[in-house]
């Protein structure tokens, strides 16, 4: 197993790690709930093969620098969801974060720790300057969670998200490196195992900053 395959960030209660095919049963159980996937462009899962197909496409997306999804594993409860970075713009040093949890873990504080770890990943390890997120304008729970995590509301993007046969509006929120460095969440303790996939580094190892 390579150091990239071993890559993980461990916080006080959560470990964010590279997914494996053995995670399919747990992800199927969580994402077969229609409440969990209500605002997604996919789901709910109706069979475990759908979770497996998702996991099978992740290695290629990592190699191409398209998407860096991580399993969220709680120290007491096991796998509780997925978080990840996508829509990378290496030149502009920005990416979009998306996160989902099984319903039992809504409102438990897991999102705050997860977002802190993802900010450590984006800003400290990958060299990003901005992390963006979006939420459906009617998804008040998700919007509150993002703003509670320090993301600032920046406006509404009309017809941004394809959901079934509809184009839906989304609220866009953002967090800059300077915002993050001034936040108390900046000091959430974490450890790193392995190395992040090189395709996502804004400055490759050994290269001078641009």
Protein backbone atom coordinates (compact mmCIF):
# COMPACT_ATOMS: atom_id res chain seq x y z
CA UNK A 1 0.00 0.00 0.00
CA UNK A 2 1.40 3.41 -0.98
CA UNK A 3 1.64 6.36 1.40
CA UNK A 4 -1.13 8.03 -0.62
CA UNK A 5 -3.44 5.04 -0.11
CA UNK A 6 -2.66 5.28 3.62
CA UNK A 7 -3.39 9.01 3.72
CA UNK A 8 -5.57 10.07 6.66
CA UNK A 9 -6.17 12.99 8.99
CA UNK A 10 -7.04 12.16 12.58
CA UNK A 11 -8.76 14.67 14.85
CA UNK A 12 -10.15 14.42 18.39
CA UNK A 13 -12.99 12.04 17.43
CA UNK A 14 -12.88 11.68 13.63
CA UNK A 15 -10.51 10.13 11.14
CA UNK A 16 -10.80 11.21 7.51
CA UNK A 17 -9.17 8.60 5.27
CA UNK A 18 -8.96 7.28 1.73
CA UNK A 19 -12.01 5.05 1.09
CA UNK A 20 -11.71 1.36 0.23
CA UNK A 21 -14.14 -1.09 -1.37
CA UNK A 22 -14.75 -2.64 2.06
CA UNK A 23 -16.57 0.58 3.02
CA UNK A 24 -19.44 -0.17 0.60
CA UNK A 25 -21.81 -1.86 3.10
CA UNK A 26 -21.55 0.99 5.61
CA UNK A 27 -21.99 3.71 2.97
CA UNK A 28 -24.96 1.87 1.50
CA UNK A 29 -26.62 1.69 4.91
CA UNK A 30 -26.15 5.43 5.49
CA UNK A 31 -27.08 6.67 2.00
CA UNK A 32 -30.11 4.43 1.53
CA UNK A 33 -32.01 6.93 3.70
CA UNK A 34 -33.91 9.36 1.42
CA UNK A 35 -33.61 12.12 4.03
CA UNK A 36 -29.81 11.93 3.74
CA UNK A 37 -29.77 12.26 -0.06
CA UNK A 38 -32.73 14.65 -0.39
CA UNK A 39 -30.61 17.49 -1.83
CA UNK A 40 -28.11 15.37 -3.76
CA UNK A 41 -27.86 14.80 -7.50
CA UNK A 42 -27.86 11.06 -6.70
CA UNK A 43 -29.56 8.58 -4.39
CA UNK A 44 -30.92 7.27 -2.27
CA UNK A 45 -29.01 4.06 -2.78
CA UNK A 46 -31.27 1.08 -3.43
CA UNK A 47 -28.57 -1.59 -3.58
CA UNK A 48 -25.03 -1.98 -2.31
CA UNK A 49 -23.59 -2.17 -5.83
CA UNK A 50 -24.26 1.57 -6.17
CA UNK A 51 -22.01 2.34 -3.21
CA UNK A 52 -19.40 -0.01 -4.65
CA UNK A 53 -19.54 1.70 -8.07
CA UNK A 54 -18.94 5.06 -6.37
CA UNK A 55 -15.90 3.67 -4.53
CA UNK A 56 -14.52 2.07 -7.70
CA UNK A 57 -14.36 5.38 -9.56
CA UNK A 58 -12.53 7.28 -6.80
CA UNK A 59 -8.95 6.07 -7.53
CA UNK A 60 -9.13 7.37 -11.10
CA UNK A 61 -10.51 10.70 -9.93
CA UNK A 62 -7.64 11.00 -7.45
CA UNK A 63 -5.03 10.22 -10.10
CA UNK A 64 -6.50 12.86 -12.41
CA UNK A 65 -6.74 15.48 -9.65
CA UNK A 66 -10.51 15.76 -10.04
CA UNK A 67 -11.92 14.79 -6.67
CA UNK A 68 -10.48 13.90 -3.27
CA UNK A 69 -13.19 12.15 -1.26
CA UNK A 70 -12.52 10.81 2.23
CA UNK A 71 -14.47 8.50 4.50
CA UNK A 72 -15.45 10.04 7.83
CA UNK A 73 -14.86 7.45 10.54
CA UNK A 74 -15.88 8.12 14.15
CA UNK A 75 -13.74 6.55 16.87
CA UNK A 76 -16.85 5.07 18.59
CA UNK A 77 -19.41 4.70 15.80
CA UNK A 78 -17.40 3.72 12.74
CA UNK A 79 -18.17 5.19 9.33
CA UNK A 80 -20.58 8.13 9.52
CA UNK A 81 -20.32 9.74 6.07
CA UNK A 82 -18.18 11.20 3.31
CA UNK A 83 -16.42 14.52 2.86
CA UNK A 84 -14.28 15.71 -0.02
CA UNK A 85 -12.78 18.41 -2.18
CA UNK A 86 -13.66 18.86 -5.85
CA UNK A 87 -13.78 21.49 -8.62
CA UNK A 88 -10.10 22.26 -8.11
CA UNK A 89 -8.53 25.30 -9.73
CA UNK A 90 -4.79 24.87 -9.10
CA UNK A 91 -3.92 28.24 -10.65
CA UNK A 92 -6.35 30.06 -8.37
CA UNK A 93 -5.61 27.76 -5.42
CA UNK A 94 -9.24 27.00 -4.64
CA UNK A 95 -11.58 24.03 -4.36
CA UNK A 96 -15.11 23.18 -3.29
CA UNK A 97 -15.86 21.14 -0.17
CA UNK A 98 -18.87 18.86 0.15
CA UNK A 99 -19.88 16.73 3.13
CA UNK A 100 -22.65 14.35 4.08
CA UNK A 101 -23.44 12.37 7.21
CA UNK A 102 -25.79 9.57 8.13
CA UNK A 103 -28.91 11.00 9.75
CA UNK A 104 -28.01 9.72 13.21
CA UNK A 105 -25.00 12.06 13.19
CA UNK A 106 -26.79 15.27 12.23
CA UNK A 107 -26.41 17.94 14.91
CA UNK A 108 -23.81 15.98 16.88
CA UNK A 109 -20.91 18.36 16.31
CA UNK A 110 -19.25 16.00 13.85
CA UNK A 111 -19.57 18.57 11.06
CA UNK A 112 -17.55 21.17 12.96
CA UNK A 113 -14.65 18.77 13.48
CA UNK A 114 -14.90 17.48 9.91
CA UNK A 115 -14.77 20.98 8.44
CA UNK A 116 -11.80 21.88 10.64
CA UNK A 117 -9.92 18.82 9.38
CA UNK A 118 -10.83 19.63 5.77
CA UNK A 119 -9.54 23.17 6.25
CA UNK A 120 -6.28 21.77 7.63
CA UNK A 121 -6.13 19.58 4.53
CA UNK A 122 -6.93 22.36 2.08
CA UNK A 123 -4.97 25.23 3.56
CA UNK A 124 -2.13 23.55 5.46
CA UNK A 125 -1.37 20.50 3.30
CA UNK A 126 -2.56 21.37 -0.22
CA UNK A 127 -1.76 25.08 -0.25
CA UNK A 128 -5.22 26.38 -1.11
CA UNK A 129 -6.17 30.02 -0.60
CA UNK A 130 -9.95 29.57 -0.77
CA UNK A 131 -12.46 26.81 0.02
CA UNK A 132 -15.99 27.20 -1.32
CA UNK A 133 -19.17 25.31 -0.53
CA UNK A 134 -22.74 25.39 -1.80
CA UNK A 135 -26.14 24.43 -0.41
CA UNK A 136 -29.62 24.49 -1.87
CA UNK A 137 -31.31 27.77 -0.98
CA UNK A 138 -34.08 25.80 0.78
CA UNK A 139 -31.67 23.57 2.72
CA UNK A 140 -31.61 25.67 5.87
CA UNK A 141 -29.92 22.98 7.98
CA UNK A 142 -26.92 22.73 5.65
CA UNK A 143 -26.62 26.50 5.30
CA UNK A 144 -26.61 26.96 9.10
CA UNK A 145 -23.99 24.25 9.49
CA UNK A 146 -21.69 25.89 6.94
CA UNK A 147 -22.02 29.33 8.47
CA UNK A 148 -21.48 27.89 11.95
CA UNK A 149 -18.25 26.37 10.61
CA UNK A 150 -17.05 29.84 9.63
CA UNK A 151 -18.03 30.02 5.95
CA UNK A 152 -19.39 33.39 4.87
CA UNK A 153 -22.52 33.71 2.72
CA UNK A 154 -21.57 35.35 -0.58
CA UNK A 155 -24.71 35.16 -2.68
CA UNK A 156 -27.00 32.90 -4.70
CA UNK A 157 -26.11 31.10 -7.94
CA UNK A 158 -29.23 30.69 -10.06
CA UNK A 159 -29.91 27.39 -11.78
CA UNK A 160 -26.57 26.02 -10.61
CA UNK A 161 -27.47 22.51 -9.48
CA UNK A 162 -29.12 19.83 -11.62
CA UNK A 163 -31.50 17.84 -9.43
CA UNK A 164 -33.57 15.28 -11.30
CA UNK A 165 -35.12 17.22 -14.16
CA UNK A 166 -34.80 20.62 -12.46
CA UNK A 167 -32.16 23.35 -12.27
CA UNK A 168 -32.03 24.61 -8.68
CA UNK A 169 -30.57 27.72 -7.08
CA UNK A 170 -27.81 27.35 -4.48
CA UNK A 171 -26.37 29.60 -1.81
CA UNK A 172 -22.61 29.97 -2.14
CA UNK A 173 -20.36 30.37 0.90
CA UNK A 174 -16.61 30.77 1.10
CA UNK A 175 -13.67 30.66 3.46
CA UNK A 176 -10.31 32.31 2.74
CA UNK A 177 -6.98 31.34 4.23
CA UNK A 178 -6.91 34.56 6.26
CA UNK A 179 -10.38 33.82 7.67
CA UNK A 180 -9.29 30.33 8.65
CA UNK A 181 -6.09 31.44 10.32
CA UNK A 182 -8.06 33.80 12.58
CA UNK A 183 -10.62 31.18 13.64
CA UNK A 184 -10.40 29.18 16.89
CA UNK A 185 -11.05 26.03 14.83
CA UNK A 186 -7.59 26.59 13.36
CA UNK A 187 -6.23 25.08 16.56
CA UNK A 188 -8.16 21.78 16.42
CA UNK A 189 -5.42 19.20 16.94
CA UNK A 190 -4.79 16.71 14.17
CA UNK A 191 -2.23 14.22 12.95
CA UNK A 192 -1.46 13.08 9.41
CA UNK A 193 -0.71 9.59 8.19
CA UNK A 194 0.78 9.09 4.73
CA UNK A 195 0.87 11.82 2.09
CA UNK A 196 -1.92 13.59 0.18
CA UNK A 197 -2.22 12.71 -3.52
CA UNK A 198 0.32 14.78 -5.43
CA UNK A 199 -2.22 15.72 -8.12
CA UNK A 200 -3.95 18.03 -5.62
CA UNK A 201 -0.90 19.93 -4.40
CA UNK A 202 -0.90 23.53 -5.63
CA UNK A 203 2.92 23.52 -5.41
CA UNK A 204 4.43 20.12 -6.25
CA UNK A 205 7.18 18.90 -3.89
CA UNK A 206 10.50 20.55 -4.73
CA UNK A 207 8.97 23.26 -6.90
CA UNK A 208 9.23 26.95 -5.97
CA UNK A 209 5.97 28.74 -5.14
CA UNK A 210 4.42 30.59 -8.08
